[in-house]
């Protein structure tokens, strides 16, 4: 059984949210970007308990895990879970669970358009990252 773009996107979103929860738990703060801006959270570091390294940038964060790299931007009120083609490509290239050759950029772009047309993902144009897509079932 081959993996679908929707499954890859769902895995990416799941890993983003897990990482955010790990950082929130580690730093005991809900809004991570606020913590970085107020300098209560270092811009970069490691969280050995969860096996990840992080680097905050602009309105986002790069997370390096044992088996994958995820880069994401925070959405409204510090929410996480948005994605675009570039972020999914980077995730695929780094993740041991997938063969990135099966997901060329053209396929991802086409699949994202089809998933949007079917209503499974949405493009709400939310600030501060209006270019991001979200799973339609998101509560964010």
N, C-alpha and C. Protein backbone atom coordinates (compact mmCIF):
# COMPACT_ATOMS: atom_id res chain seq x y z
N UNK A 1 0.84 -1.19 0.00
CA UNK A 1 0.00 0.00 0.00
C UNK A 1 0.88 1.24 0.00
N UNK A 2 0.65 2.14 -0.93
CA UNK A 2 1.49 3.34 -1.01
C UNK A 2 0.92 4.45 -0.13
N UNK A 3 1.81 5.27 0.33
CA UNK A 3 1.46 6.39 1.19
C UNK A 3 0.90 7.52 0.34
N UNK A 4 -0.12 8.18 0.83
CA UNK A 4 -0.73 9.30 0.11
C UNK A 4 -0.19 10.62 0.64
N UNK A 5 -0.35 11.65 -0.14
CA UNK A 5 0.03 13.00 0.30
C UNK A 5 -0.74 13.38 1.54
N UNK A 6 -2.01 13.02 1.60
CA UNK A 6 -2.81 13.34 2.78
C UNK A 6 -2.20 12.70 4.03
N UNK A 7 -1.74 11.45 3.93
CA UNK A 7 -1.13 10.78 5.08
C UNK A 7 0.16 11.48 5.50
N UNK A 8 0.95 11.92 4.53
CA UNK A 8 2.19 12.64 4.84
C UNK A 8 1.86 13.95 5.55
N UNK A 9 0.88 14.68 5.04
CA UNK A 9 0.48 15.95 5.66
C UNK A 9 0.00 15.70 7.09
N UNK A 10 -0.83 14.70 7.28
CA UNK A 10 -1.32 14.39 8.63
C UNK A 10 -0.18 14.03 9.57
N UNK A 11 0.82 13.30 9.08
CA UNK A 11 1.98 12.95 9.89
C UNK A 11 2.78 14.20 10.25
N UNK A 12 3.00 15.06 9.26
CA UNK A 12 3.71 16.31 9.50
C UNK A 12 3.01 17.13 10.59
N UNK A 13 1.70 17.33 10.44
CA UNK A 13 0.93 18.12 11.40
C UNK A 13 0.99 17.47 12.79
N UNK A 14 0.88 16.16 12.85
CA UNK A 14 0.96 15.46 14.13
C UNK A 14 2.30 15.70 14.80
N UNK A 15 3.39 15.62 14.03
CA UNK A 15 4.73 15.83 14.58
C UNK A 15 4.94 17.28 15.01
N UNK A 16 4.41 18.21 14.25
CA UNK A 16 4.50 19.63 14.65
C UNK A 16 3.83 19.81 16.00
N UNK A 17 2.63 19.31 16.11
CA UNK A 17 1.88 19.50 17.37
C UNK A 17 2.53 18.78 18.54
N UNK A 18 3.07 17.59 18.30
CA UNK A 18 3.78 16.88 19.37
C UNK A 18 4.99 17.69 19.84
N UNK A 19 5.73 18.23 18.88
CA UNK A 19 6.91 19.02 19.22
C UNK A 19 6.54 20.27 20.00
N UNK A 20 5.48 20.94 19.58
CA UNK A 20 5.02 22.13 20.29
C UNK A 20 4.63 21.77 21.72
N UNK A 21 3.90 20.67 21.88
CA UNK A 21 3.51 20.24 23.24
C UNK A 21 4.74 19.93 24.09
N UNK A 22 5.75 19.29 23.48
CA UNK A 22 6.98 18.99 24.21
C UNK A 22 7.66 20.27 24.69
N UNK A 23 7.77 21.25 23.80
CA UNK A 23 8.39 22.52 24.18
C UNK A 23 7.56 23.26 25.23
N UNK A 24 6.25 23.24 25.06
CA UNK A 24 5.39 23.89 26.05
C UNK A 24 5.56 23.25 27.43
N UNK A 25 5.61 21.93 27.44
CA UNK A 25 5.78 21.21 28.70
C UNK A 25 7.15 21.49 29.30
N UNK A 26 8.17 21.44 28.45
CA UNK A 26 9.54 21.66 28.93
C UNK A 26 9.72 23.05 29.52
N UNK A 27 9.20 24.06 28.83
CA UNK A 27 9.37 25.45 29.28
C UNK A 27 8.22 25.94 30.15
N UNK A 28 7.21 25.12 30.32
CA UNK A 28 6.05 25.47 31.13
C UNK A 28 5.43 26.80 30.68
N UNK A 29 5.14 26.88 29.39
CA UNK A 29 4.55 28.08 28.81
C UNK A 29 3.66 27.67 27.64
N UNK A 30 2.52 28.34 27.50
CA UNK A 30 1.59 28.02 26.42
C UNK A 30 2.00 28.66 25.10
N UNK A 31 2.32 29.95 25.13
CA UNK A 31 2.64 30.67 23.91
C UNK A 31 4.17 30.73 23.74
N UNK A 32 4.68 29.84 22.91
CA UNK A 32 6.13 29.73 22.74
C UNK A 32 6.75 30.98 22.13
N UNK A 33 6.11 31.54 21.12
CA UNK A 33 6.67 32.75 20.50
C UNK A 33 6.76 33.90 21.49
N UNK A 34 5.75 34.02 22.32
CA UNK A 34 5.78 35.05 23.35
C UNK A 34 6.97 34.81 24.29
N UNK A 35 7.20 33.56 24.64
CA UNK A 35 8.34 33.21 25.50
C UNK A 35 9.67 33.56 24.86
N UNK A 36 9.78 33.35 23.56
CA UNK A 36 11.02 33.70 22.85
C UNK A 36 11.18 35.21 22.82
N UNK A 37 10.11 35.91 22.51
CA UNK A 37 10.18 37.38 22.43
C UNK A 37 10.50 38.01 23.78
N UNK A 38 9.99 37.40 24.85
CA UNK A 38 10.25 37.91 26.19
C UNK A 38 11.56 37.35 26.77
N UNK A 39 12.23 36.53 26.00
CA UNK A 39 13.52 35.93 26.36
C UNK A 39 13.46 35.00 27.57
N UNK A 40 12.30 34.40 27.78
CA UNK A 40 12.21 33.36 28.82
C UNK A 40 12.51 31.99 28.21
N UNK A 41 12.51 31.92 26.88
CA UNK A 41 12.89 30.71 26.15
C UNK A 41 14.05 31.08 25.24
N UNK A 42 15.15 30.32 25.28
CA UNK A 42 16.26 30.59 24.36
C UNK A 42 15.83 30.36 22.90
N UNK A 43 16.39 31.13 21.99
CA UNK A 43 16.07 30.98 20.57
C UNK A 43 16.42 29.60 20.02
N UNK A 44 17.44 28.99 20.57
CA UNK A 44 17.82 27.65 20.11
C UNK A 44 18.30 26.83 21.28
N UNK A 45 18.16 25.52 21.11
CA UNK A 45 18.60 24.64 22.17
C UNK A 45 18.17 23.21 21.91
N UNK A 46 18.33 22.39 22.91
CA UNK A 46 17.91 21.00 22.83
C UNK A 46 17.02 20.67 24.02
N UNK A 47 16.17 19.72 23.81
CA UNK A 47 15.32 19.20 24.88
C UNK A 47 15.58 17.70 24.89
N UNK A 48 16.57 17.32 25.66
CA UNK A 48 17.02 15.94 25.67
C UNK A 48 15.93 14.96 26.07
N UNK A 49 15.06 15.36 27.00
CA UNK A 49 13.98 14.47 27.44
C UNK A 49 13.11 14.02 26.27
N UNK A 50 12.98 14.87 25.27
CA UNK A 50 12.13 14.56 24.13
C UNK A 50 12.93 14.27 22.86
N UNK A 51 14.25 14.32 22.96
CA UNK A 51 15.10 13.99 21.81
C UNK A 51 14.94 14.93 20.64
N UNK A 52 14.92 16.23 20.93
CA UNK A 52 14.80 17.18 19.82
C UNK A 52 15.66 18.41 20.05
N UNK A 53 16.02 19.01 18.94
CA UNK A 53 16.72 20.30 18.95
C UNK A 53 15.78 21.30 18.27
N UNK A 54 15.83 22.55 18.69
CA UNK A 54 14.93 23.55 18.13
C UNK A 54 15.68 24.83 17.85
N UNK A 55 15.17 25.57 16.86
CA UNK A 55 15.65 26.90 16.55
C UNK A 55 14.45 27.75 16.16
N UNK A 56 14.14 28.76 16.95
CA UNK A 56 13.05 29.67 16.62
C UNK A 56 13.56 30.68 15.60
N UNK A 57 12.70 31.03 14.66
CA UNK A 57 13.04 32.00 13.62
C UNK A 57 11.78 32.78 13.27
N UNK A 58 11.89 34.07 13.21
CA UNK A 58 10.75 34.90 12.81
C UNK A 58 9.49 34.50 13.55
N UNK A 59 8.51 33.97 12.81
CA UNK A 59 7.26 33.52 13.43
C UNK A 59 7.16 31.99 13.42
N UNK A 60 8.31 31.33 13.35
CA UNK A 60 8.28 29.88 13.27
C UNK A 60 9.38 29.21 14.06
N UNK A 61 9.52 27.92 13.79
CA UNK A 61 10.50 27.11 14.51
C UNK A 61 10.93 25.94 13.63
N UNK A 62 12.21 25.62 13.72
CA UNK A 62 12.77 24.44 13.06
C UNK A 62 13.04 23.43 14.15
N UNK A 63 12.48 22.23 14.00
CA UNK A 63 12.65 21.16 14.98
C UNK A 63 13.41 20.02 14.31
N UNK A 64 14.49 19.60 14.94
CA UNK A 64 15.24 18.45 14.46
C UNK A 64 15.01 17.30 15.43
N UNK A 65 14.43 16.23 14.91
CA UNK A 65 14.17 15.03 15.69
C UNK A 65 15.16 13.95 15.27
N UNK A 66 15.09 12.84 15.93
CA UNK A 66 15.98 11.73 15.56
C UNK A 66 15.74 11.26 14.12
N UNK A 67 14.50 11.29 13.67
CA UNK A 67 14.18 10.70 12.37
C UNK A 67 13.55 11.68 11.38
N UNK A 68 13.50 12.96 11.70
CA UNK A 68 12.89 13.92 10.77
C UNK A 68 13.20 15.34 11.20
N UNK A 69 13.01 16.25 10.24
CA UNK A 69 13.12 17.68 10.49
C UNK A 69 11.79 18.30 10.09
N UNK A 70 11.27 19.16 10.95
CA UNK A 70 10.05 19.89 10.61
C UNK A 70 10.31 21.38 10.82
N UNK A 71 9.82 22.15 9.90
CA UNK A 71 9.90 23.61 9.99
C UNK A 71 8.48 24.11 9.88
N UNK A 72 8.08 24.97 10.78
CA UNK A 72 6.71 25.45 10.74
C UNK A 72 6.64 26.89 11.21
N UNK A 73 5.58 27.57 10.80
CA UNK A 73 5.26 28.90 11.28
C UNK A 73 4.07 28.79 12.22
N UNK A 74 4.06 29.65 13.22
CA UNK A 74 2.92 29.71 14.11
C UNK A 74 1.83 30.52 13.44
N UNK A 75 0.60 30.13 13.70
CA UNK A 75 -0.55 30.84 13.18
C UNK A 75 -1.13 31.76 14.23
N UNK A 76 -2.38 32.06 14.07
CA UNK A 76 -3.12 32.93 14.98
C UNK A 76 -2.99 32.44 16.42
N UNK A 77 -2.71 33.34 17.31
CA UNK A 77 -2.62 33.05 18.75
C UNK A 77 -1.63 31.94 19.08
N UNK A 78 -0.57 31.80 18.28
CA UNK A 78 0.47 30.82 18.57
C UNK A 78 0.12 29.40 18.20
N UNK A 79 -0.95 29.20 17.45
CA UNK A 79 -1.32 27.85 17.04
C UNK A 79 -0.31 27.28 16.05
N UNK A 80 -0.29 25.98 15.94
CA UNK A 80 0.62 25.31 15.01
C UNK A 80 -0.17 24.25 14.25
N UNK A 81 0.26 23.95 13.06
CA UNK A 81 -0.41 22.93 12.27
C UNK A 81 -0.58 23.32 10.83
N UNK A 82 -0.18 24.54 10.49
CA UNK A 82 -0.25 24.97 9.10
C UNK A 82 0.90 24.39 8.30
N UNK A 83 0.72 24.29 7.00
CA UNK A 83 1.75 23.72 6.14
C UNK A 83 1.65 24.32 4.74
N UNK A 84 2.69 24.14 3.99
CA UNK A 84 2.70 24.48 2.57
C UNK A 84 3.57 23.45 1.87
N UNK A 85 3.66 23.55 0.59
CA UNK A 85 4.41 22.56 -0.20
C UNK A 85 5.87 22.50 0.23
N UNK A 86 6.49 23.65 0.42
CA UNK A 86 7.91 23.69 0.79
C UNK A 86 8.16 22.94 2.09
N UNK A 87 7.32 23.17 3.09
CA UNK A 87 7.51 22.52 4.39
C UNK A 87 7.33 21.01 4.29
N UNK A 88 6.36 20.58 3.50
CA UNK A 88 6.14 19.15 3.32
C UNK A 88 7.32 18.52 2.57
N UNK A 89 7.84 19.21 1.57
CA UNK A 89 9.01 18.70 0.84
C UNK A 89 10.22 18.55 1.77
N UNK A 90 10.45 19.54 2.60
CA UNK A 90 11.57 19.47 3.53
C UNK A 90 11.39 18.30 4.50
N UNK A 91 10.19 18.13 5.00
CA UNK A 91 9.88 17.02 5.90
C UNK A 91 10.14 15.68 5.19
N UNK A 92 9.65 15.54 3.98
CA UNK A 92 9.85 14.29 3.22
C UNK A 92 11.32 13.99 3.00
N UNK A 93 12.09 15.02 2.66
CA UNK A 93 13.52 14.83 2.41
C UNK A 93 14.27 14.36 3.65
N UNK A 94 13.77 14.70 4.82
CA UNK A 94 14.48 14.39 6.06
C UNK A 94 13.96 13.16 6.79
N UNK A 95 12.78 12.72 6.45
CA UNK A 95 12.09 11.69 7.23
C UNK A 95 12.42 10.28 6.75
N UNK A 96 12.84 9.46 7.66
CA UNK A 96 13.18 8.08 7.35
C UNK A 96 11.97 7.24 6.95
N UNK A 97 10.78 7.69 7.28
CA UNK A 97 9.56 6.91 7.03
C UNK A 97 9.09 6.99 5.58
N UNK A 98 9.61 7.90 4.79
CA UNK A 98 9.10 8.12 3.44
C UNK A 98 10.23 8.12 2.41
N UNK A 99 9.86 7.78 1.20
CA UNK A 99 10.77 7.90 0.07
C UNK A 99 10.39 9.19 -0.66
N UNK A 100 11.20 10.21 -0.48
CA UNK A 100 10.89 11.53 -1.03
C UNK A 100 10.75 11.51 -2.55
N UNK A 101 11.40 10.55 -3.22
CA UNK A 101 11.31 10.47 -4.69
C UNK A 101 9.87 10.22 -5.14
N UNK A 102 9.05 9.65 -4.28
CA UNK A 102 7.65 9.36 -4.64
C UNK A 102 6.77 10.60 -4.53
N UNK A 103 7.35 11.70 -4.04
CA UNK A 103 6.58 12.92 -3.83
C UNK A 103 7.28 14.13 -4.44
N UNK A 104 7.40 14.18 -5.77
CA UNK A 104 8.00 15.37 -6.38
C UNK A 104 7.11 16.60 -6.14
N UNK A 105 7.71 17.76 -6.24
CA UNK A 105 7.00 19.01 -5.95
C UNK A 105 5.71 19.13 -6.76
N UNK A 106 5.75 18.77 -8.03
CA UNK A 106 4.56 18.89 -8.88
C UNK A 106 3.42 18.04 -8.33
N UNK A 107 3.74 16.83 -7.87
CA UNK A 107 2.71 15.96 -7.30
C UNK A 107 2.13 16.58 -6.03
N UNK A 108 3.01 17.08 -5.17
CA UNK A 108 2.51 17.68 -3.93
C UNK A 108 1.61 18.88 -4.21
N UNK A 109 2.03 19.73 -5.11
CA UNK A 109 1.21 20.91 -5.45
C UNK A 109 -0.15 20.49 -5.99
N UNK A 110 -0.15 19.51 -6.87
CA UNK A 110 -1.40 19.01 -7.45
C UNK A 110 -2.28 18.36 -6.39
N UNK A 111 -1.67 17.56 -5.54
CA UNK A 111 -2.44 16.89 -4.47
C UNK A 111 -3.01 17.90 -3.48
N UNK A 112 -2.23 18.93 -3.13
CA UNK A 112 -2.73 19.96 -2.21
C UNK A 112 -3.92 20.68 -2.84
N UNK A 113 -3.85 20.97 -4.13
CA UNK A 113 -4.98 21.61 -4.81
C UNK A 113 -6.21 20.70 -4.78
N UNK A 114 -6.00 19.40 -5.04
CA UNK A 114 -7.11 18.45 -5.04
C UNK A 114 -7.70 18.30 -3.64
N UNK A 115 -6.84 18.25 -2.61
CA UNK A 115 -7.32 18.13 -1.24
C UNK A 115 -8.09 19.38 -0.81
N UNK A 116 -7.67 20.53 -1.33
CA UNK A 116 -8.38 21.78 -1.05
C UNK A 116 -9.74 21.77 -1.74
N UNK A 117 -9.77 21.35 -3.00
CA UNK A 117 -11.03 21.28 -3.74
C UNK A 117 -12.01 20.31 -3.09
N UNK A 118 -11.49 19.24 -2.50
CA UNK A 118 -12.36 18.25 -1.87
C UNK A 118 -12.80 18.67 -0.47
N UNK A 119 -12.20 19.73 0.07
CA UNK A 119 -12.57 20.22 1.39
C UNK A 119 -11.82 19.56 2.53
N UNK A 120 -10.85 18.69 2.23
CA UNK A 120 -10.09 18.03 3.29
C UNK A 120 -9.04 18.93 3.91
N UNK A 121 -8.58 19.91 3.13
CA UNK A 121 -7.70 20.94 3.67
C UNK A 121 -8.26 22.30 3.27
N UNK A 122 -7.90 23.31 4.04
CA UNK A 122 -8.42 24.65 3.79
C UNK A 122 -7.26 25.65 3.75
N UNK A 123 -7.51 26.75 3.07
CA UNK A 123 -6.53 27.84 2.99
C UNK A 123 -7.22 29.10 3.50
N UNK A 124 -7.25 29.27 4.83
CA UNK A 124 -8.02 30.39 5.41
C UNK A 124 -7.37 31.76 5.30
N UNK A 125 -6.13 31.83 4.84
CA UNK A 125 -5.42 33.11 4.69
C UNK A 125 -5.30 33.84 6.02
N UNK A 126 -4.98 33.07 7.07
CA UNK A 126 -4.85 33.64 8.41
C UNK A 126 -3.52 34.35 8.59
N UNK A 127 -3.56 35.49 9.23
CA UNK A 127 -2.33 36.17 9.63
C UNK A 127 -1.78 35.47 10.86
N UNK A 128 -0.54 35.38 11.07
CA UNK A 128 0.54 36.06 10.35
C UNK A 128 1.12 35.25 9.20
N UNK A 129 0.49 34.13 8.85
CA UNK A 129 1.01 33.27 7.77
C UNK A 129 -0.11 32.93 6.80
N UNK A 130 -0.53 33.90 5.98
CA UNK A 130 -1.70 33.68 5.12
C UNK A 130 -1.48 32.67 4.00
N UNK A 131 -0.26 32.24 3.79
CA UNK A 131 0.05 31.28 2.72
C UNK A 131 -0.12 29.82 3.16
N UNK A 132 -0.41 29.59 4.43
CA UNK A 132 -0.47 28.22 4.94
C UNK A 132 -1.83 27.58 4.74
N UNK A 133 -1.79 26.26 4.57
CA UNK A 133 -2.98 25.42 4.51
C UNK A 133 -3.13 24.73 5.87
N UNK A 134 -4.35 24.27 6.16
CA UNK A 134 -4.64 23.57 7.40
C UNK A 134 -5.55 22.39 7.12
N UNK A 135 -5.47 21.37 7.93
CA UNK A 135 -6.43 20.27 7.84
C UNK A 135 -7.80 20.83 8.18
N UNK A 136 -8.80 20.45 7.43
CA UNK A 136 -10.15 20.99 7.65
C UNK A 136 -10.70 20.58 9.01
N UNK A 137 -10.22 19.49 9.56
CA UNK A 137 -10.70 19.01 10.85
C UNK A 137 -10.00 19.69 12.02
N UNK A 138 -9.10 20.65 11.73
CA UNK A 138 -8.37 21.34 12.80
C UNK A 138 -9.30 22.14 13.67
N UNK A 139 -8.95 22.16 14.94
CA UNK A 139 -9.69 23.00 15.89
C UNK A 139 -9.02 24.36 16.03
N UNK A 140 -7.85 24.53 15.42
CA UNK A 140 -7.09 25.78 15.57
C UNK A 140 -7.75 26.92 14.85
